[in-house]
């Protein structure tokens, strides 16, 4: 699957999440041409601070794949993974993570980010996950503006 196609799915899911009152983060996971998961952040609706888009997508993908290891999968996430999400992606052994907006973009939108870049988590943890940024970045950053216009509140 083309990373841009996968990112489009993550963006669409983020938009539906924003419409449902959730924060502006989405994630999609594919194995070859098979979509295993498309999810958005559900922290507010579940009262679960760990329910970031990557985590909810990993949960769904693992259920779909009937496996905890997703080593042949690619991930598209609308924002650079936080340290928690990057660690989970590492533990799932995904092949490549493509992201749009950066941690700095999320921080500028008002989110309480740990300013530890996903690339640094990978380096320090000696992870084999490949990380590719700037995939549809403008469209992903725009999700923060849509979220703010909808009256969203950061956490």
C-alpha atoms as a PDB file:
ATOM      1  CA  UNK A   1       0.000   0.000   0.000  1.00  0.00           C
ATOM      2  CA  UNK A   2       1.184   3.473  -0.836  1.00  0.00           C
ATOM      3  CA  UNK A   3       1.962   5.507   2.315  1.00  0.00           C
ATOM      4  CA  UNK A   4      -0.027   8.487   0.993  1.00  0.00           C
ATOM      5  CA  UNK A   5      -3.119   6.313   0.519  1.00  0.00           C
ATOM      6  CA  UNK A   6      -2.744   5.031   4.053  1.00  0.00           C
ATOM      7  CA  UNK A   7      -2.265   8.579   5.345  1.00  0.00           C
ATOM      8  CA  UNK A   8      -5.480   9.649   3.582  1.00  0.00           C
ATOM      9  CA  UNK A   9      -7.321   6.984   5.593  1.00  0.00           C
ATOM     10  CA  UNK A  10      -5.746   8.231   8.829  1.00  0.00           C
ATOM     11  CA  UNK A  11      -6.707  11.829   7.997  1.00  0.00           C
ATOM     12  CA  UNK A  12     -10.301  10.853   7.194  1.00  0.00           C
ATOM     13  CA  UNK A  13     -10.550   8.948  10.476  1.00  0.00           C
ATOM     14  CA  UNK A  14      -9.115  11.935  12.343  1.00  0.00           C
ATOM     15  CA  UNK A  15     -11.768  14.170  10.822  1.00  0.00           C
ATOM     16  CA  UNK A  16     -14.512  11.840  12.068  1.00  0.00           C
ATOM     17  CA  UNK A  17     -12.810  11.813  15.470  1.00  0.00           C
ATOM     18  CA  UNK A  18     -12.799  15.604  15.587  1.00  0.00           C
ATOM     19  CA  UNK A  19     -16.502  15.603  14.678  1.00  0.00           C
ATOM     20  CA  UNK A  20     -17.082  13.231  17.624  1.00  0.00           C
ATOM     21  CA  UNK A  21     -15.289  15.588  20.042  1.00  0.00           C
ATOM     22  CA  UNK A  22     -11.967  13.772  20.117  1.00  0.00           C
ATOM     23  CA  UNK A  23      -8.503  15.247  19.649  1.00  0.00           C
ATOM     24  CA  UNK A  24      -6.928  15.536  16.169  1.00  0.00           C
ATOM     25  CA  UNK A  25      -4.841  12.399  15.804  1.00  0.00           C
ATOM     26  CA  UNK A  26      -5.349   9.418  13.498  1.00  0.00           C
ATOM     27  CA  UNK A  27      -3.497   6.282  12.501  1.00  0.00           C
ATOM     28  CA  UNK A  28      -3.817   3.529   9.890  1.00  0.00           C
ATOM     29  CA  UNK A  29      -1.955   0.220   9.668  1.00  0.00           C
ATOM     30  CA  UNK A  30      -1.597  -2.008   6.602  1.00  0.00           C
ATOM     31  CA  UNK A  31       0.028  -5.288   5.702  1.00  0.00           C
ATOM     32  CA  UNK A  32       0.615  -5.319   1.969  1.00  0.00           C
ATOM     33  CA  UNK A  33      -2.668  -4.160   0.445  1.00  0.00           C
ATOM     34  CA  UNK A  34      -4.714  -5.244   3.479  1.00  0.00           C
ATOM     35  CA  UNK A  35      -5.884  -2.554   5.887  1.00  0.00           C
ATOM     36  CA  UNK A  36      -5.596  -3.973   9.411  1.00  0.00           C
ATOM     37  CA  UNK A  37      -6.730  -0.892  11.315  1.00  0.00           C
ATOM     38  CA  UNK A  38      -7.801   2.718  10.980  1.00  0.00           C
ATOM     39  CA  UNK A  39      -8.345   4.520  14.244  1.00  0.00           C
ATOM     40  CA  UNK A  40      -8.301   7.899  15.923  1.00  0.00           C
ATOM     41  CA  UNK A  41      -7.496   9.172  19.370  1.00  0.00           C
ATOM     42  CA  UNK A  42     -10.270   8.276  21.859  1.00  0.00           C
ATOM     43  CA  UNK A  43      -8.728   9.602  25.072  1.00  0.00           C
ATOM     44  CA  UNK A  44     -11.752  11.770  25.916  1.00  0.00           C
ATOM     45  CA  UNK A  45     -14.492   9.258  25.127  1.00  0.00           C
ATOM     46  CA  UNK A  46     -12.804   6.397  26.987  1.00  0.00           C
ATOM     47  CA  UNK A  47     -11.243   8.361  29.863  1.00  0.00           C
ATOM     48  CA  UNK A  48      -8.050   6.490  28.962  1.00  0.00           C
ATOM     49  CA  UNK A  49      -4.991   8.719  28.679  1.00  0.00           C
ATOM     50  CA  UNK A  50      -3.202   5.920  26.763  1.00  0.00           C
ATOM     51  CA  UNK A  51      -5.865   5.733  24.024  1.00  0.00           C
ATOM     52  CA  UNK A  52      -3.751   7.610  21.480  1.00  0.00           C
ATOM     53  CA  UNK A  53      -4.450   6.911  17.803  1.00  0.00           C
ATOM     54  CA  UNK A  54      -1.395   4.675  17.404  1.00  0.00           C
ATOM     55  CA  UNK A  55      -2.294   2.628  20.473  1.00  0.00           C
ATOM     56  CA  UNK A  56      -5.926   2.141  19.454  1.00  0.00           C
ATOM     57  CA  UNK A  57      -4.824   1.264  15.905  1.00  0.00           C
ATOM     58  CA  UNK A  58      -2.272  -1.239  17.219  1.00  0.00           C
ATOM     59  CA  UNK A  59      -4.927  -2.872  19.398  1.00  0.00           C
ATOM     60  CA  UNK A  60      -7.254  -3.185  16.397  1.00  0.00           C
ATOM     61  CA  UNK A  61      -4.490  -4.386  14.043  1.00  0.00           C
ATOM     62  CA  UNK A  62      -3.338  -7.060  16.478  1.00  0.00           C
ATOM     63  CA  UNK A  63      -6.922  -8.318  16.858  1.00  0.00           C
ATOM     64  CA  UNK A  64      -7.376  -8.350  13.075  1.00  0.00           C
ATOM     65  CA  UNK A  65      -4.047 -10.108  12.495  1.00  0.00           C
ATOM     66  CA  UNK A  66      -4.506 -12.472  15.464  1.00  0.00           C
ATOM     67  CA  UNK A  67      -0.933 -11.615  16.432  1.00  0.00           C
ATOM     68  CA  UNK A  68       1.027  -9.205  18.574  1.00  0.00           C
ATOM     69  CA  UNK A  69       3.887  -8.859  16.111  1.00  0.00           C
ATOM     70  CA  UNK A  70       3.230  -6.767  13.015  1.00  0.00           C
ATOM     71  CA  UNK A  71       6.706  -6.928  11.495  1.00  0.00           C
ATOM     72  CA  UNK A  72       5.501  -6.799   7.905  1.00  0.00           C
ATOM     73  CA  UNK A  73       3.246  -3.782   8.452  1.00  0.00           C
ATOM     74  CA  UNK A  74       3.460  -0.104   7.650  1.00  0.00           C
ATOM     75  CA  UNK A  75       1.866   2.632   9.719  1.00  0.00           C
ATOM     76  CA  UNK A  76       0.653   6.090   8.734  1.00  0.00           C
ATOM     77  CA  UNK A  77       0.012   8.443  11.621  1.00  0.00           C
ATOM     78  CA  UNK A  78      -1.088  12.044  11.329  1.00  0.00           C
ATOM     79  CA  UNK A  79       1.411  13.188  13.962  1.00  0.00           C
ATOM     80  CA  UNK A  80       4.863  12.072  14.975  1.00  0.00           C
ATOM     81  CA  UNK A  81       4.460   9.352  17.604  1.00  0.00           C
ATOM     82  CA  UNK A  82       4.984  10.337  21.217  1.00  0.00           C
ATOM     83  CA  UNK A  83       7.470   8.241  23.231  1.00  0.00           C
ATOM     84  CA  UNK A  84       4.700   5.914  24.484  1.00  0.00           C
ATOM     85  CA  UNK A  85       3.360   5.294  20.978  1.00  0.00           C
ATOM     86  CA  UNK A  86       6.803   4.943  19.405  1.00  0.00           C
ATOM     87  CA  UNK A  87       7.686   2.354  22.032  1.00  0.00           C
ATOM     88  CA  UNK A  88       4.492   0.400  21.322  1.00  0.00           C
ATOM     89  CA  UNK A  89       5.175   0.528  17.579  1.00  0.00           C
ATOM     90  CA  UNK A  90       8.667  -0.813  18.304  1.00  0.00           C
ATOM     91  CA  UNK A  91       7.297  -3.635  20.471  1.00  0.00           C
ATOM     92  CA  UNK A  92       4.843  -4.563  17.701  1.00  0.00           C
ATOM     93  CA  UNK A  93       7.867  -4.654  15.376  1.00  0.00           C
ATOM     94  CA  UNK A  94       6.185  -2.675  12.615  1.00  0.00           C
ATOM     95  CA  UNK A  95       8.384  -2.172   9.593  1.00  0.00           C
ATOM     96  CA  UNK A  96       7.934   1.531   8.829  1.00  0.00           C
ATOM     97  CA  UNK A  97       6.128   4.459  10.442  1.00  0.00           C
ATOM     98  CA  UNK A  98       5.144   7.373   8.193  1.00  0.00           C
ATOM     99  CA  UNK A  99       4.016  10.562   9.932  1.00  0.00           C
ATOM    100  CA  UNK A 100       2.768  14.003   8.954  1.00  0.00           C
ATOM    101  CA  UNK A 101       2.772  16.679  11.665  1.00  0.00           C
ATOM    102  CA  UNK A 102       5.599  16.849  14.198  1.00  0.00           C
ATOM    103  CA  UNK A 103       5.658  16.780  17.983  1.00  0.00           C
ATOM    104  CA  UNK A 104       6.398  20.519  17.786  1.00  0.00           C
ATOM    105  CA  UNK A 105       3.233  21.044  15.730  1.00  0.00           C
ATOM    106  CA  UNK A 106       1.198  19.256  18.418  1.00  0.00           C
ATOM    107  CA  UNK A 107       2.873  21.305  21.137  1.00  0.00           C
ATOM    108  CA  UNK A 108       2.118  24.513  19.197  1.00  0.00           C
ATOM    109  CA  UNK A 109      -1.525  23.409  19.048  1.00  0.00           C
ATOM    110  CA  UNK A 110      -1.574  23.283  22.850  1.00  0.00           C
ATOM    111  CA  UNK A 111      -0.830  19.651  23.642  1.00  0.00           C
ATOM    112  CA  UNK A 112       1.378  18.788  26.627  1.00  0.00           C
ATOM    113  CA  UNK A 113       4.018  16.946  24.651  1.00  0.00           C
ATOM    114  CA  UNK A 114       7.188  15.288  25.808  1.00  0.00           C
ATOM    115  CA  UNK A 115       9.569  16.867  23.355  1.00  0.00           C
ATOM    116  CA  UNK A 116      11.446  13.653  22.736  1.00  0.00           C
ATOM    117  CA  UNK A 117      11.488  13.034  19.007  1.00  0.00           C
ATOM    118  CA  UNK A 118      10.423   9.623  17.734  1.00  0.00           C
ATOM    119  CA  UNK A 119      13.783   9.358  15.937  1.00  0.00           C
ATOM    120  CA  UNK A 120      15.521   9.806  19.281  1.00  0.00           C
ATOM    121  CA  UNK A 121      13.387   7.077  20.882  1.00  0.00           C
ATOM    122  CA  UNK A 122      14.371   4.791  18.003  1.00  0.00           C
ATOM    123  CA  UNK A 123      18.059   5.719  18.334  1.00  0.00           C
ATOM    124  CA  UNK A 124      18.213   5.370  22.112  1.00  0.00           C
ATOM    125  CA  UNK A 125      16.257   2.121  22.044  1.00  0.00           C
ATOM    126  CA  UNK A 126      18.235   0.731  19.111  1.00  0.00           C
ATOM    127  CA  UNK A 127      14.952  -0.020  17.338  1.00  0.00           C
ATOM    128  CA  UNK A 128      14.834  -1.372  13.801  1.00  0.00           C
ATOM    129  CA  UNK A 129      11.638   0.547  12.969  1.00  0.00           C
ATOM    130  CA  UNK A 130      12.085   2.862  10.009  1.00  0.00           C
ATOM    131  CA  UNK A 131      10.692   6.371  10.494  1.00  0.00           C
ATOM    132  CA  UNK A 132       9.673   8.671   7.631  1.00  0.00           C
ATOM    133  CA  UNK A 133       8.379  12.167   8.346  1.00  0.00           C
ATOM    134  CA  UNK A 134       6.743  14.941   6.333  1.00  0.00           C
ATOM    135  CA  UNK A 135       4.158  12.685   4.686  1.00  0.00           C
ATOM    136  CA  UNK A 136       1.279  15.013   3.811  1.00  0.00           C
ATOM    137  CA  UNK A 137       2.453  17.308   6.596  1.00  0.00           C
ATOM    138  CA  UNK A 138       0.387  20.345   5.568  1.00  0.00           C
ATOM    139  CA  UNK A 139      -2.821  18.283   5.545  1.00  0.00           C
ATOM    140  CA  UNK A 140      -1.949  16.791   8.937  1.00  0.00           C
ATOM    141  CA  UNK A 141      -1.091  20.157  10.514  1.00  0.00           C
ATOM    142  CA  UNK A 142      -4.396  21.467   9.173  1.00  0.00           C
ATOM    143  CA  UNK A 143      -6.169  18.927  11.392  1.00  0.00           C
ATOM    144  CA  UNK A 144      -5.068  20.956  14.438  1.00  0.00           C
ATOM    145  CA  UNK A 145      -6.716  24.053  12.937  1.00  0.00           C
ATOM    146  CA  UNK A 146      -9.933  22.133  12.211  1.00  0.00           C
ATOM    147  CA  UNK A 147      -9.915  20.789  15.747  1.00  0.00           C
ATOM    148  CA  UNK A 148      -9.438  24.255  17.256  1.00  0.00           C
ATOM    149  CA  UNK A 149     -12.216  25.647  15.033  1.00  0.00           C
ATOM    150  CA  UNK A 150     -14.478  22.874  16.373  1.00  0.00           C
ATOM    151  CA  UNK A 151     -13.748  24.050  19.936  1.00  0.00           C
ATOM    152  CA  UNK A 152     -11.269  21.311  20.830  1.00  0.00           C
ATOM    153  CA  UNK A 153      -9.379  21.385  24.111  1.00  0.00           C
ATOM    154  CA  UNK A 154      -5.872  19.963  24.501  1.00  0.00           C
ATOM    155  CA  UNK A 155      -4.732  17.772  27.364  1.00  0.00           C
END
